[in-house]
PDB file of N, CA and C in Angstrom:
ATOM      1  N   MET A   1      20.052 -50.331 -50.779  1.00  0.00           N
ATOM      2  CA  MET A   1      20.896 -49.244 -51.217  1.00  0.00           C
ATOM      3  C   MET A   1      20.877 -48.167 -50.133  1.00  0.00           C
ATOM      4  N   ARG A   2      22.035 -47.684 -49.771  1.00  0.00           N
ATOM      5  CA  ARG A   2      22.150 -46.618 -48.776  1.00  0.00           C
ATOM      6  C   ARG A   2      22.167 -45.274 -49.483  1.00  0.00           C
ATOM      7  N   ILE A   3      21.408 -44.339 -48.898  1.00  0.00           N
ATOM      8  CA  ILE A   3      21.333 -42.985 -49.428  1.00  0.00           C
ATOM      9  C   ILE A   3      21.625 -42.017 -48.289  1.00  0.00           C
ATOM     10  N   LYS A   4      22.501 -41.055 -48.549  1.00  0.00           N
ATOM     11  CA  LYS A   4      22.775 -40.008 -47.578  1.00  0.00           C
ATOM     12  C   LYS A   4      22.025 -38.758 -48.030  1.00  0.00           C
ATOM     13  N   VAL A   5      21.206 -38.203 -47.148  1.00  0.00           N
ATOM     14  CA  VAL A   5      20.485 -36.968 -47.453  1.00  0.00           C
ATOM     15  C   VAL A   5      21.397 -35.811 -47.064  1.00  0.00           C
ATOM     16  N   LEU A   6      21.752 -34.996 -48.052  1.00  0.00           N
ATOM     17  CA  LEU A   6      22.655 -33.879 -47.812  1.00  0.00           C
ATOM     18  C   LEU A   6      21.909 -32.572 -47.602  1.00  0.00           C
ATOM     19  N   ARG A   7      20.718 -32.460 -48.220  1.00  0.00           N
ATOM     20  CA  ARG A   7      19.925 -31.244 -48.075  1.00  0.00           C
ATOM     21  C   ARG A   7      18.458 -31.586 -48.241  1.00  0.00           C
ATOM     22  N   ALA A   8      17.625 -30.949 -47.436  1.00  0.00           N
ATOM     23  CA  ALA A   8      16.176 -31.148 -47.513  1.00  0.00           C
ATOM     24  C   ALA A   8      15.505 -29.849 -47.085  1.00  0.00           C
ATOM     25  N   GLU A   9      14.220 -29.741 -47.419  1.00  0.00           N
ATOM     26  CA  GLU A   9      13.454 -28.570 -47.006  1.00  0.00           C
ATOM     27  C   GLU A   9      12.088 -29.023 -46.492  1.00  0.00           C
ATOM     28  N   ILE A  10      11.488 -28.212 -45.662  1.00  0.00           N
ATOM     29  CA  ILE A  10      10.152 -28.520 -45.149  1.00  0.00           C
ATOM     30  C   ILE A  10       9.161 -28.391 -46.298  1.00  0.00           C
ATOM     31  N   ALA A  11       8.212 -29.324 -46.364  1.00  0.00           N
ATOM     32  CA  ALA A  11       7.222 -29.332 -47.440  1.00  0.00           C
ATOM     33  C   ALA A  11       5.833 -29.591 -46.862  1.00  0.00           C
ATOM     34  N   GLU A  12       4.827 -29.307 -47.650  1.00  0.00           N
ATOM     35  CA  GLU A  12       3.437 -29.585 -47.275  1.00  0.00           C
ATOM     36  C   GLU A  12       3.147 -31.049 -47.536  1.00  0.00           C
ATOM     37  N   GLY A  13       2.295 -31.621 -46.724  1.00  0.00           N
ATOM     38  CA  GLY A  13       1.879 -32.995 -46.957  1.00  0.00           C
ATOM     39  C   GLY A  13       1.832 -33.771 -45.668  1.00  0.00           C
ATOM     40  N   GLY A  14       1.374 -34.981 -45.778  1.00  0.00           N
ATOM     41  CA  GLY A  14       1.282 -35.839 -44.624  1.00  0.00           C
ATOM     42  C   GLY A  14       0.960 -37.250 -45.050  1.00  0.00           C
ATOM     43  N   GLY A  15       1.030 -38.136 -44.141  1.00  0.00           N
ATOM     44  CA  GLY A  15       0.769 -39.539 -44.422  1.00  0.00           C
ATOM     45  C   GLY A  15       1.603 -40.389 -43.493  1.00  0.00           C
ATOM     46  N   ALA A  16       1.656 -41.663 -43.784  1.00  0.00           N
ATOM     47  CA  ALA A  16       2.455 -42.576 -42.977  1.00  0.00           C
ATOM     48  C   ALA A  16       3.935 -42.212 -43.112  1.00  0.00           C
ATOM     49  N   PRO A  17       4.649 -42.098 -41.996  1.00  0.00           N
ATOM     50  CA  PRO A  17       6.070 -41.735 -42.056  1.00  0.00           C
ATOM     51  C   PRO A  17       6.853 -42.638 -43.013  1.00  0.00           C
ATOM     52  N   GLY A  18       7.667 -41.995 -43.867  1.00  0.00           N
ATOM     53  CA  GLY A  18       8.489 -42.736 -44.810  1.00  0.00           C
ATOM     54  C   GLY A  18       7.835 -42.958 -46.159  1.00  0.00           C
ATOM     55  N   THR A  19       6.602 -42.501 -46.339  1.00  0.00           N
ATOM     56  CA  THR A  19       5.903 -42.688 -47.611  1.00  0.00           C
ATOM     57  C   THR A  19       6.282 -41.574 -48.575  1.00  0.00           C
ATOM     58  N   VAL A  20       6.630 -41.933 -49.808  1.00  0.00           N
ATOM     59  CA  VAL A  20       6.924 -40.954 -50.855  1.00  0.00           C
ATOM     60  C   VAL A  20       5.589 -40.369 -51.307  1.00  0.00           C
ATOM     61  N   LEU A  21       5.483 -39.046 -51.281  1.00  0.00           N
ATOM     62  CA  LEU A  21       4.213 -38.396 -51.585  1.00  0.00           C
ATOM     63  C   LEU A  21       4.077 -37.937 -53.030  1.00  0.00           C
ATOM     64  N   ASP A  22       5.189 -37.697 -53.711  1.00  0.00           N
ATOM     65  CA  ASP A  22       5.107 -37.201 -55.088  1.00  0.00           C
ATOM     66  C   ASP A  22       6.380 -37.522 -55.857  1.00  0.00           C
ATOM     67  N   ASP A  23       6.461 -37.005 -57.084  1.00  0.00           N
ATOM     68  CA  ASP A  23       7.625 -37.267 -57.944  1.00  0.00           C
ATOM     69  C   ASP A  23       8.769 -36.298 -57.703  1.00  0.00           C
ATOM     70  N   ARG A  24       8.700 -35.505 -56.627  1.00  0.00           N
ATOM     71  CA  ARG A  24       9.771 -34.564 -56.285  1.00  0.00           C
ATOM     72  C   ARG A  24      10.471 -34.969 -54.994  1.00  0.00           C
ATOM     73  N   LEU A  25      10.342 -36.220 -54.615  1.00  0.00           N
ATOM     74  CA  LEU A  25      10.960 -36.781 -53.411  1.00  0.00           C
ATOM     75  C   LEU A  25      10.489 -36.089 -52.134  1.00  0.00           C
ATOM     76  N   THR A  26       9.192 -35.863 -52.042  1.00  0.00           N
ATOM     77  CA  THR A  26       8.603 -35.375 -50.805  1.00  0.00           C
ATOM     78  C   THR A  26       8.247 -36.599 -49.985  1.00  0.00           C
ATOM     79  N   ILE A  27       8.753 -36.635 -48.762  1.00  0.00           N
ATOM     80  CA  ILE A  27       8.598 -37.791 -47.886  1.00  0.00           C
ATOM     81  C   ILE A  27       7.776 -37.392 -46.663  1.00  0.00           C
ATOM     82  N   ALA A  28       6.743 -38.170 -46.371  1.00  0.00           N
ATOM     83  CA  ALA A  28       5.908 -37.905 -45.206  1.00  0.00           C
ATOM     84  C   ALA A  28       6.692 -38.178 -43.925  1.00  0.00           C
ATOM     85  N   CYS A  29       6.441 -37.344 -42.930  1.00  0.00           N
ATOM     86  CA  CYS A  29       7.038 -37.516 -41.604  1.00  0.00           C
ATOM     87  C   CYS A  29       5.898 -37.741 -40.617  1.00  0.00           C
ATOM     88  N   GLY A  30       6.206 -37.892 -39.367  1.00  0.00           N
ATOM     89  CA  GLY A  30       5.165 -38.053 -38.358  1.00  0.00           C
ATOM     90  C   GLY A  30       4.193 -36.891 -38.376  1.00  0.00           C
ATOM     91  N   SER A  31       4.709 -35.692 -38.613  1.00  0.00           N
ATOM     92  CA  SER A  31       3.902 -34.481 -38.704  1.00  0.00           C
ATOM     93  C   SER A  31       4.463 -33.653 -39.850  1.00  0.00           C
ATOM     94  N   GLY A  32       3.729 -33.543 -40.957  1.00  0.00           N
ATOM     95  CA  GLY A  32       4.207 -32.791 -42.114  1.00  0.00           C
ATOM     96  C   GLY A  32       5.025 -33.653 -43.051  1.00  0.00           C
ATOM     97  N   ALA A  33       5.954 -32.991 -43.772  1.00  0.00           N
ATOM     98  CA  ALA A  33       6.763 -33.700 -44.760  1.00  0.00           C
ATOM     99  C   ALA A  33       8.061 -32.937 -45.016  1.00  0.00           C
ATOM    100  N   VAL A  34       9.016 -33.610 -45.626  1.00  0.00           N
ATOM    101  CA  VAL A  34      10.252 -32.977 -46.077  1.00  0.00           C
ATOM    102  C   VAL A  34      10.456 -33.322 -47.546  1.00  0.00           C
ATOM    103  N   ARG A  35      11.079 -32.406 -48.272  1.00  0.00           N
ATOM    104  CA  ARG A  35      11.427 -32.656 -49.675  1.00  0.00           C
ATOM    105  C   ARG A  35      12.941 -32.766 -49.747  1.00  0.00           C
ATOM    106  N   LEU A  36      13.421 -33.910 -50.206  1.00  0.00           N
ATOM    107  CA  LEU A  36      14.861 -34.133 -50.335  1.00  0.00           C
ATOM    108  C   LEU A  36      15.342 -33.403 -51.573  1.00  0.00           C
ATOM    109  N   THR A  37      16.377 -32.581 -51.435  1.00  0.00           N
ATOM    110  CA  THR A  37      16.844 -31.779 -52.561  1.00  0.00           C
ATOM    111  C   THR A  37      18.251 -32.136 -53.029  1.00  0.00           C
ATOM    112  N   ARG A  38      19.047 -32.754 -52.168  1.00  0.00           N
ATOM    113  CA  ARG A  38      20.398 -33.177 -52.554  1.00  0.00           C
ATOM    114  C   ARG A  38      20.704 -34.469 -51.820  1.00  0.00           C
ATOM    115  N   LEU A  39      21.122 -35.483 -52.590  1.00  0.00           N
ATOM    116  CA  LEU A  39      21.358 -36.819 -52.036  1.00  0.00           C
ATOM    117  C   LEU A  39      22.677 -37.374 -52.538  1.00  0.00           C
ATOM    118  N   GLN A  40      23.114 -38.442 -51.878  1.00  0.00           N
ATOM    119  CA  GLN A  40      24.324 -39.122 -52.321  1.00  0.00           C
ATOM    120  C   GLN A  40      24.141 -40.620 -52.121  1.00  0.00           C
ATOM    121  N   ARG A  41      24.244 -41.360 -53.221  1.00  0.00           N
ATOM    122  CA  ARG A  41      24.228 -42.822 -53.129  1.00  0.00           C
ATOM    123  C   ARG A  41      25.600 -43.286 -52.687  1.00  0.00           C
ATOM    124  N   GLU A  42      25.633 -44.407 -51.995  1.00  0.00           N
ATOM    125  CA  GLU A  42      26.888 -44.964 -51.520  1.00  0.00           C
ATOM    126  C   GLU A  42      27.849 -45.158 -52.692  1.00  0.00           C
ATOM    127  N   GLY A  43      29.056 -44.608 -52.570  1.00  0.00           N
ATOM    128  CA  GLY A  43      30.078 -44.749 -53.604  1.00  0.00           C
ATOM    129  C   GLY A  43      29.906 -43.832 -54.793  1.00  0.00           C
ATOM    130  N   ARG A  44      28.959 -42.905 -54.741  1.00  0.00           N
ATOM    131  CA  ARG A  44      28.697 -41.982 -55.851  1.00  0.00           C
ATOM    132  C   ARG A  44      28.887 -40.540 -55.399  1.00  0.00           C
ATOM    133  N   ALA A  45      28.922 -39.650 -56.372  1.00  0.00           N
ATOM    134  CA  ALA A  45      29.037 -38.223 -56.082  1.00  0.00           C
ATOM    135  C   ALA A  45      27.673 -37.673 -55.652  1.00  0.00           C
ATOM    136  N   PRO A  46      27.658 -36.603 -54.865  1.00  0.00           N
ATOM    137  CA  PRO A  46      26.392 -35.971 -54.503  1.00  0.00           C
ATOM    138  C   PRO A  46      25.641 -35.523 -55.754  1.00  0.00           C
ATOM    139  N   ALA A  47      24.300 -35.529 -55.671  1.00  0.00           N
ATOM    140  CA  ALA A  47      23.477 -35.150 -56.825  1.00  0.00           C
ATOM    141  C   ALA A  47      22.225 -34.427 -56.364  1.00  0.00           C
ATOM    142  N   ALA A  48      21.750 -33.533 -57.216  1.00  0.00           N
ATOM    143  CA  ALA A  48      20.458 -32.884 -56.974  1.00  0.00           C
ATOM    144  C   ALA A  48      19.377 -33.950 -57.092  1.00  0.00           C
ATOM    145  N   ALA A  49      18.241 -33.711 -56.453  1.00  0.00           N
ATOM    146  CA  ALA A  49      17.153 -34.691 -56.451  1.00  0.00           C
ATOM    147  C   ALA A  49      16.727 -35.070 -57.869  1.00  0.00           C
ATOM    148  N   ALA A  50      16.621 -34.097 -58.770  1.00  0.00           N
ATOM    149  CA  ALA A  50      16.186 -34.390 -60.141  1.00  0.00           C
ATOM    150  C   ALA A  50      17.150 -35.354 -60.832  1.00  0.00           C
ATOM    151  N   ALA A  51      18.444 -35.132 -60.672  1.00  0.00           N
ATOM    152  CA  ALA A  51      19.441 -36.017 -61.273  1.00  0.00           C
ATOM    153  C   ALA A  51      19.390 -37.397 -60.620  1.00  0.00           C
ATOM    154  N   PHE A  52      19.228 -37.436 -59.317  1.00  0.00           N
ATOM    155  CA  PHE A  52      19.113 -38.705 -58.604  1.00  0.00           C
ATOM    156  C   PHE A  52      17.929 -39.510 -59.141  1.00  0.00           C
ATOM    157  N   LEU A  53      16.793 -38.843 -59.334  1.00  0.00           N
ATOM    158  CA  LEU A  53      15.585 -39.531 -59.797  1.00  0.00           C
ATOM    159  C   LEU A  53      15.706 -40.033 -61.234  1.00  0.00           C
ATOM    160  N   ARG A  54      16.517 -39.400 -62.059  1.00  0.00           N
ATOM    161  CA  ARG A  54      16.721 -39.891 -63.442  1.00  0.00           C
ATOM    162  C   ARG A  54      17.390 -41.257 -63.437  1.00  0.00           C
ATOM    163  N   GLY A  55      18.270 -41.489 -62.471  1.00  0.00           N
ATOM    164  CA  GLY A  55      18.971 -42.778 -62.409  1.00  0.00           C
ATOM    165  C   GLY A  55      18.361 -43.774 -61.444  1.00  0.00           C
ATOM    166  N   THR A  56      17.526 -43.294 -60.531  1.00  0.00           N
ATOM    167  CA  THR A  56      16.921 -44.146 -59.514  1.00  0.00           C
ATOM    168  C   THR A  56      15.456 -43.745 -59.348  1.00  0.00           C
ATOM    169  N   PRO A  57      14.574 -44.286 -60.154  1.00  0.00           N
ATOM    170  CA  PRO A  57      13.157 -43.894 -60.050  1.00  0.00           C
ATOM    171  C   PRO A  57      12.569 -44.275 -58.692  1.00  0.00           C
ATOM    172  N   VAL A  58      11.800 -43.358 -58.128  1.00  0.00           N
ATOM    173  CA  VAL A  58      11.104 -43.581 -56.859  1.00  0.00           C
ATOM    174  C   VAL A  58       9.654 -43.171 -57.095  1.00  0.00           C
ATOM    175  N   ALA A  59       8.731 -44.092 -56.917  1.00  0.00           N
ATOM    176  CA  ALA A  59       7.326 -43.832 -57.213  1.00  0.00           C
ATOM    177  C   ALA A  59       6.577 -43.321 -55.982  1.00  0.00           C
ATOM    178  N   ALA A  60       5.599 -42.458 -56.229  1.00  0.00           N
ATOM    179  CA  ALA A  60       4.725 -41.994 -55.150  1.00  0.00           C
ATOM    180  C   ALA A  60       4.043 -43.225 -54.531  1.00  0.00           C
ATOM    181  N   GLY A  61       3.919 -43.216 -53.229  1.00  0.00           N
ATOM    182  CA  GLY A  61       3.310 -44.337 -52.517  1.00  0.00           C
ATOM    183  C   GLY A  61       4.316 -45.360 -52.012  1.00  0.00           C
ATOM    184  N   GLN A  62       5.526 -45.299 -52.554  1.00  0.00           N
ATOM    185  CA  GLN A  62       6.582 -46.223 -52.127  1.00  0.00           C
ATOM    186  C   GLN A  62       7.017 -45.861 -50.708  1.00  0.00           C
ATOM    187  N   LEU A  63       7.373 -46.850 -49.928  1.00  0.00           N
ATOM    188  CA  LEU A  63       7.828 -46.625 -48.555  1.00  0.00           C
ATOM    189  C   LEU A  63       9.360 -46.669 -48.559  1.00  0.00           C
ATOM    190  N   VAL A  64       9.981 -45.624 -47.997  1.00  0.00           N
ATOM    191  CA  VAL A  64      11.435 -45.570 -47.888  1.00  0.00           C
ATOM    192  C   VAL A  64      11.803 -45.577 -46.413  1.00  0.00           C
ATOM    193  N   GLY A  65      12.967 -46.001 -46.101  1.00  0.00           N
ATOM    194  CA  GLY A  65      13.336 -46.019 -44.694  1.00  0.00           C
ATOM    195  C   GLY A  65      14.581 -46.685 -44.514  1.00  0.00           C
TER     196      GLY A  65
END
């Protein structure tokens, strides 16, 4: 599934790049982390992270990329 990140913010955290750190879509980067706040699935309307997660669960520890 393709996801377009429309908005993100810098967040605290760390770990292997691409690892989901929590239930708020905080993703580890090489140094630090980002929290995805607005996303768009292919063929869908843009959505806030909370709405996206209601329809597409993403668990902490999952690797995205």
